[in-house]
Each structure stands twice: as C-alpha cells, then as structure tokens.
Amino acid sequence: MNTILEETKFIMNKYHIKANKSLGQNFLISEEVIQTIIDSSQIEKEDLVIEIGPGLGTLTKHLLEKAGKVICVELDQKMIKILQDRFSLYNNLEILNQDILKVDTKSLIEEEKKKSNWKNIKIVANLPYYITTPIIMKLLEEELPLESITVMIQKEVANRLISIPGEKETGAITYSVYYYAQAEGILEVPPNSFIPEPEVTSKVIKLNIRKQSPLAIEKKEKMFKIIKCAFMQRRKTLLNALVNTKVFSSKEDGIEILKKIGLDTNIRPEKLSLEDYANIAKNIVN
C-alpha cells in the first residue's frame, strides 16, 4: 500500500484541494523519490533549508526532521493553511506566503545568519515546470551563499542544466549553470510518481555551488548577453546569429574576431566552451 498516496488523498479531500494547473501543481507520491531527494540533499542539523513550493508538505516533513530550520516559500494561499495545520508542533518551520521570484532571498538569508550561525544553506524544491528556469537563474545570478540546490524539474530541462558546454544537450542556460555550479543528475522520475500525472518525465538534479568560478572573466554580464544572443537563433551559425542580433557590427567584423580567437567561422553556438564566449566578449570593443 502506498501510504504517501493515501495520505495525499486524505489531505486533498480534507481541505477540498485540487491540483492547480496554472501553478503547475503535481503532488509527489513516491517514497523512493522523496527519500532520494532527502538523501542527495545531505541535510544536517546545522543547516538552514529553503524549500520552494512545498505544496502539501510531503517533502517538508522529512526536511523538518533533518534540518535545523526550514523556510517554506509557497505562493498558493490554500497550501499555507495545510502547512500550518500539519506542522504546528514543529518549532523549526517558517512559512512565507510569497512568490519566490519576488522574495529578496539575499536579505532573507542575511537575517537568518544573524539569528543563527548556520553551517550551510541549501535549497530543496519540486519546482513547477513552467517557471523552472527563471527560479534557478534567480538563485544562481544573485550569488547567494548557498551550498547546494537540489530540485526536481522536467527531464528535458534538467538535461540542459547538467550538460557540459559543448555537449549535445547544451543550451544558453548550460553555460550559466556551469559557471556558477557543478551539476549532477540524480534520478529520473516517471509520471506515475505524481498525482495528477504530468505528461512528461521528471528528473532530480543537484547543483553544487562553486566556491570559485571555473575561469576568471572580466566581462561576465557581457559574456552572458552574447551567449543569450547566440542561442536566440540556434539553427544558425554563431557568426550569423551574432550578426543578426547586432553583437557583431558586421559579418566582416565577426569573421575577424572569430579568426583572431581561433574559432571556425561556421561553428554553431552549442559547440563553444565558456572560455570561447569569454574571449568573444573580451574582443568586442563596444
């Protein structure tokens, strides 16, 4: 008997809950997946955990038992009541009824560090598919003092995030993740691990935040802007994509820059290393 399934159905019936499609809600009911997420997060009693989108609290229960403190950031007002009722006896839980994209995460963490000397700060989440990339990019680009981010997301997106630049699955986000973290795939999660079942396979991944960047880059923002422009027209060569998006002032200018840094003028955006893009940024005058 799947006790998590029974428990989830009971809570949904008790609080008259239906999964909210517009919020991308799918409730996790697999004991194996939950245990894998908890184990791979490597949470200790000296850790502060921020859980994004706890929903019914299926993961929250395990996090509360492992961590020193858990801060749940939940947008759906209906879920707040459930979390408050369900975990009323725990003294290491704080619930924020907010949109994670609007939370000042840096200030939140700074305040928590003033209160307690946390050993590590970790993010754990079963993220809604429709908003995965903005959330992960926010967490990385803010350069928060995080140890790791363990998330379950759509498999297709997960493969792009954990790819090494230059590999088959490479996308614009691959370079950002690689710059900020060492990423690893943990577990594929079939649709029947949720109710309602999503139409796609999911994947648990872990981003171990780098203590030091993989290379020293003078013009980081410029480099990432170039990467974004390169992948706007992925089927084109890098040269054409960067000419069309006005990164290169002309085709002749682009050819000169690519030849100068030793790149084939017919190369495609996904074939470049992070260093290649850094070199392009360095050689563009404007």
Protein backbone atom coordinates (compact mmCIF):
# COMPACT_ATOMS: atom_id res chain seq x y z
CA MET A 1 0.00 0.00 0.00
CA ASN A 2 1.30 3.44 -0.95
CA THR A 3 0.96 5.32 2.34
CA ILE A 4 2.02 8.63 0.78
CA LEU A 5 -0.70 8.26 -1.87
CA GLU A 6 -3.30 7.57 0.85
CA GLU A 7 -2.01 10.46 2.95
CA THR A 8 -2.06 12.83 -0.06
CA LYS A 9 -5.62 11.83 -0.99
CA PHE A 10 -6.72 12.27 2.63
CA ILE A 11 -5.25 15.80 2.82
CA MET A 12 -6.71 16.75 -0.57
CA ASN A 13 -10.17 15.55 0.50
CA LYS A 14 -9.97 17.14 3.94
CA TYR A 15 -9.05 20.57 2.57
CA HIS A 16 -11.02 20.23 -0.70
CA ILE A 17 -7.85 20.62 -2.75
CA LYS A 18 -7.42 20.04 -6.45
CA ALA A 19 -4.05 20.43 -8.14
CA ASN A 20 -3.85 23.95 -9.55
CA LYS A 21 -2.79 23.64 -13.19
CA SER A 22 -1.98 27.34 -13.50
CA LEU A 23 0.55 26.94 -10.65
CA GLY A 24 1.95 23.75 -12.20
CA GLN A 25 0.97 21.60 -9.22
CA ASN A 26 1.64 17.86 -9.31
CA PHE A 27 1.81 16.17 -5.91
CA LEU A 28 4.67 13.74 -5.35
CA ILE A 29 3.59 10.33 -4.05
CA SER A 30 6.73 8.19 -4.44
CA GLU A 31 8.53 7.21 -1.24
CA GLU A 32 11.63 6.28 -3.24
CA VAL A 33 11.85 9.68 -4.95
CA ILE A 34 11.28 11.57 -1.69
CA GLN A 35 14.00 9.55 0.05
CA THR A 36 16.40 10.14 -2.87
CA ILE A 37 15.83 13.91 -2.76
CA ILE A 38 16.40 13.96 1.01
CA ASP A 39 19.50 11.74 0.84
CA SER A 40 21.10 13.64 -2.03
CA SER A 41 20.49 16.99 -0.26
CA GLN A 42 22.76 15.75 2.58
CA ILE A 43 20.96 17.87 5.14
CA GLU A 44 22.35 18.16 8.66
CA LYS A 45 21.05 19.68 11.89
CA GLU A 46 23.33 22.73 11.45
CA ASP A 47 21.76 23.52 8.06
CA LEU A 48 19.14 26.06 7.04
CA VAL A 49 16.92 24.77 4.23
CA ILE A 50 14.75 26.92 1.97
CA GLU A 51 12.03 24.85 0.33
CA ILE A 52 10.36 26.40 -2.71
CA GLY A 53 6.77 25.37 -3.41
CA PRO A 54 6.23 22.84 -0.59
CA GLY A 55 2.60 22.25 -1.62
CA LEU A 56 1.01 19.73 0.74
CA GLY A 57 4.24 19.33 2.69
CA THR A 58 5.25 15.85 1.53
CA LEU A 59 8.95 16.78 1.37
CA THR A 60 8.67 19.34 4.18
CA LYS A 61 8.01 16.65 6.77
CA HIS A 62 11.36 14.96 6.04
CA LEU A 63 13.24 18.26 5.79
CA LEU A 64 11.99 19.36 9.22
CA GLU A 65 13.33 16.19 10.78
CA LYS A 66 16.77 16.62 9.21
CA ALA A 67 17.43 20.39 9.18
CA GLY A 68 18.00 22.98 11.88
CA LYS A 69 15.36 25.18 10.27
CA VAL A 70 13.17 25.06 7.16
CA ILE A 71 11.76 28.16 5.47
CA CYS A 72 8.93 27.26 3.09
CA VAL A 73 8.14 29.74 0.31
CA GLU A 74 4.65 28.96 -1.01
CA LEU A 75 2.55 31.08 -3.38
CA ASP A 76 -0.76 29.21 -3.03
CA GLN A 77 -2.76 30.53 -0.05
CA LYS A 78 -4.64 27.20 0.25
CA MET A 79 -1.39 25.36 0.92
CA ILE A 80 -0.39 27.76 3.72
CA LYS A 81 -3.30 26.57 5.91
CA ILE A 82 -2.38 22.92 5.28
CA LEU A 83 1.28 23.50 6.15
CA GLN A 84 0.36 25.42 9.31
CA ASP A 85 -2.03 22.70 10.49
CA ARG A 86 0.18 19.81 9.52
CA PHE A 87 3.38 21.05 11.14
CA SER A 88 2.01 23.06 14.07
CA LEU A 89 4.08 21.03 16.55
CA TYR A 90 7.40 21.79 14.86
CA ASN A 91 9.37 24.77 16.15
CA ASN A 92 11.88 24.88 13.27
CA LEU A 93 9.50 25.91 10.48
CA GLU A 94 8.81 29.33 8.97
CA ILE A 95 6.25 29.76 6.17
CA LEU A 96 6.31 32.64 3.69
CA ASN A 97 3.22 33.12 1.53
CA GLN A 98 5.14 34.71 -1.34
CA ASP A 99 6.29 34.28 -4.92
CA ILE A 100 9.92 33.12 -4.79
CA LEU A 101 10.72 35.33 -7.80
CA LYS A 102 9.75 38.39 -5.73
CA VAL A 103 11.46 37.36 -2.50
CA ASP A 104 14.60 39.25 -1.54
CA THR A 105 16.47 36.00 -0.95
CA LYS A 106 19.77 37.68 -0.14
CA SER A 107 18.25 39.76 2.69
CA LEU A 108 16.29 36.75 3.94
CA ILE A 109 19.48 34.69 4.24
CA GLU A 110 21.42 37.58 5.82
CA GLU A 111 18.72 37.95 8.52
CA GLU A 112 18.78 34.22 9.22
CA LYS A 113 22.57 34.21 9.53
CA LYS A 114 22.33 36.99 12.13
CA LYS A 115 19.96 34.85 14.21
CA SER A 116 21.90 31.57 13.95
CA ASN A 117 25.32 30.52 12.77
CA TRP A 118 24.15 28.09 10.09
CA LYS A 119 26.80 25.72 8.76
CA ASN A 120 25.26 25.53 5.28
CA ILE A 121 22.27 26.96 3.45
CA LYS A 122 20.57 24.63 1.00
CA ILE A 123 17.66 24.92 -1.41
CA VAL A 124 15.32 21.98 -1.97
CA ALA A 125 12.35 22.10 -4.32
CA ASN A 126 9.92 20.25 -6.51
CA LEU A 127 9.65 23.13 -8.99
CA PRO A 128 6.65 23.90 -11.22
CA TYR A 129 7.80 23.16 -14.78
CA TYR A 130 6.56 26.41 -16.28
CA ILE A 131 8.78 28.56 -14.08
CA THR A 132 11.86 26.37 -13.55
CA THR A 133 14.41 28.40 -15.50
CA PRO A 134 13.61 31.86 -14.01
CA ILE A 135 13.79 30.44 -10.47
CA ILE A 136 17.10 28.66 -10.98
CA MET A 137 18.62 31.66 -12.77
CA LYS A 138 17.50 33.99 -9.94
CA LEU A 139 19.11 31.74 -7.32
CA LEU A 140 22.37 31.48 -9.28
CA GLU A 141 22.71 35.07 -10.51
CA GLU A 142 22.11 36.53 -7.05
CA GLU A 143 25.28 34.68 -5.97
CA LEU A 144 23.71 33.68 -2.67
CA PRO A 145 25.85 31.96 -0.02
CA LEU A 146 24.39 28.56 -0.86
CA GLU A 147 25.95 25.13 -0.54
CA SER A 148 23.62 23.40 -2.97
CA ILE A 149 20.32 23.45 -4.86
CA THR A 150 18.52 20.10 -5.13
CA VAL A 151 15.47 20.26 -7.39
CA MET A 152 13.09 18.08 -9.33
CA ILE A 153 12.28 19.50 -12.74
CA GLN A 154 11.25 18.40 -16.23
CA LYS A 155 13.78 15.90 -17.62
CA GLU A 156 14.38 17.81 -20.86
CA VAL A 157 15.27 20.99 -18.96
CA ALA A 158 17.29 19.03 -16.40
CA ASN A 159 19.48 17.56 -19.15
CA ARG A 160 20.28 21.04 -20.45
CA LEU A 161 21.13 22.26 -16.95
CA ILE A 162 23.52 19.41 -16.12
CA SER A 163 25.18 19.25 -19.54
CA ILE A 164 28.78 20.38 -20.02
CA PRO A 165 29.13 23.27 -22.52
CA GLY A 166 29.82 21.81 -25.96
CA GLU A 167 27.82 18.61 -25.38
CA LYS A 168 24.72 17.60 -27.35
CA GLU A 169 22.15 18.94 -24.85
CA THR A 170 23.84 22.34 -24.49
CA GLY A 171 21.58 25.42 -24.32
CA ALA A 172 22.18 29.01 -23.22
CA ILE A 173 21.36 28.11 -19.62
CA THR A 174 24.00 25.35 -19.64
CA TYR A 175 26.76 27.97 -19.60
CA SER A 176 25.22 29.89 -16.70
CA VAL A 177 24.78 26.77 -14.58
CA TYR A 178 28.30 25.59 -15.41
CA TYR A 179 29.73 28.98 -14.40
CA TYR A 180 28.00 29.02 -11.01
CA ALA A 181 27.76 25.33 -10.09
CA GLN A 182 28.86 21.76 -10.64
CA ALA A 183 25.69 19.97 -11.69
CA GLU A 184 24.79 16.30 -11.44
CA GLY A 185 21.81 14.19 -12.41
CA ILE A 186 20.42 12.18 -9.50
CA LEU A 187 17.29 10.28 -10.58
CA GLU A 188 14.73 10.08 -13.39
CA VAL A 189 11.16 10.27 -12.11
CA PRO A 190 8.30 8.72 -14.14
CA PRO A 191 4.90 10.46 -14.40
CA ASN A 192 3.22 7.84 -12.15
CA SER A 193 5.21 9.23 -9.20
CA PHE A 194 2.70 12.12 -9.03
CA ILE A 195 -0.98 12.88 -8.82
CA PRO A 196 -2.17 14.12 -11.17
CA GLU A 197 0.36 12.56 -13.54
CA PRO A 198 2.28 15.14 -15.60
CA GLU A 199 2.68 14.49 -19.32
CA VAL A 200 6.48 14.39 -19.08
CA THR A 201 9.22 12.55 -17.21
CA SER A 202 10.91 14.47 -14.41
CA LYS A 203 14.44 14.39 -13.07
CA VAL A 204 16.09 15.18 -9.75
CA ILE A 205 19.30 17.17 -10.14
CA LYS A 206 21.73 18.74 -7.71
CA LEU A 207 23.67 21.94 -8.28
CA ASN A 208 26.70 22.13 -6.01
CA ILE A 209 27.52 25.84 -5.88
CA ARG A 210 31.12 26.60 -6.81
CA LYS A 211 33.28 28.33 -4.22
CA GLN A 212 35.32 29.72 -7.12
CA SER A 213 34.38 30.42 -10.76
CA PRO A 214 35.81 27.96 -13.33
CA LEU A 215 37.61 30.83 -15.07
CA ALA A 216 38.33 34.48 -14.41
CA ILE A 217 36.08 36.61 -16.60
CA GLU A 218 36.40 40.38 -16.82
CA LYS A 219 33.13 40.99 -18.64
CA LYS A 220 30.73 38.42 -17.17
CA GLU A 221 27.45 40.25 -17.94
CA LYS A 222 28.59 40.95 -21.49
CA MET A 223 29.58 37.32 -21.99
CA PHE A 224 26.19 36.01 -20.82
CA LYS A 225 24.40 38.51 -23.05
CA ILE A 226 26.40 37.21 -26.03
CA ILE A 227 25.51 33.61 -25.12
CA LYS A 228 21.81 34.54 -24.95
CA CYS A 229 22.01 36.20 -28.38
CA ALA A 230 23.85 33.21 -29.85
CA PHE A 231 21.07 30.82 -28.81
CA MET A 232 18.19 33.05 -29.94
CA GLN A 233 18.74 31.67 -33.43
CA ARG A 234 20.14 28.27 -32.59
CA ARG A 235 19.86 26.77 -36.08
CA LYS A 236 22.12 29.44 -37.49
CA THR A 237 25.88 29.51 -37.25
CA LEU A 238 27.34 31.51 -34.39
CA LEU A 239 28.54 34.15 -36.84
CA ASN A 240 25.10 34.70 -38.39
CA ALA A 241 23.35 34.65 -35.01
CA LEU A 242 25.66 37.30 -33.59
CA VAL A 243 25.47 39.46 -36.70
CA ASN A 244 21.64 39.26 -36.71
CA THR A 245 21.46 40.23 -33.03
CA LYS A 246 23.92 43.12 -33.58
CA VAL A 247 26.57 41.65 -31.26
CA PHE A 248 28.94 41.82 -34.21
CA SER A 249 28.69 45.14 -36.01
CA SER A 250 29.12 43.38 -39.38
CA LYS A 251 29.88 39.98 -40.86
CA GLU A 252 33.41 41.08 -41.66
CA ASP A 253 33.92 42.24 -38.07
CA GLY A 254 32.58 38.90 -36.78
CA ILE A 255 34.83 36.85 -39.06
CA GLU A 256 37.84 38.85 -37.91
CA ILE A 257 37.04 38.29 -34.20
CA LEU A 258 36.36 34.55 -34.61
CA LYS A 259 39.56 34.03 -36.59
CA LYS A 260 41.54 36.02 -34.02
CA ILE A 261 40.48 33.69 -31.21
CA GLY A 262 40.90 30.56 -33.32
CA LEU A 263 37.26 29.65 -33.98
CA ASP A 264 35.83 28.27 -37.22
CA THR A 265 33.55 30.86 -38.84
CA ASN A 266 30.94 28.10 -39.44
CA ILE A 267 30.86 26.93 -35.82
CA ARG A 268 27.47 26.58 -34.11
CA PRO A 269 26.66 28.24 -30.75
CA GLU A 270 26.45 24.99 -28.75
CA LYS A 271 29.97 23.91 -29.75
CA LEU A 272 31.76 26.70 -27.88
CA SER A 273 33.29 26.43 -24.44
CA LEU A 274 32.65 29.03 -21.73
CA GLU A 275 36.17 30.32 -22.37
CA ASP A 276 35.38 30.81 -26.08
CA TYR A 277 32.45 33.09 -25.20
CA ALA A 278 34.61 34.93 -22.67
CA ASN A 279 37.17 35.54 -25.43
CA ILE A 280 34.49 36.89 -27.79
CA ALA A 281 33.32 39.30 -25.04
CA LYS A 282 36.91 40.42 -24.50
CA ASN A 283 37.39 41.17 -28.21
CA ILE A 284 34.22 43.18 -28.77
CA VAL A 285 35.01 46.84 -28.30
CA ASN A 286 31.51 48.26 -27.67
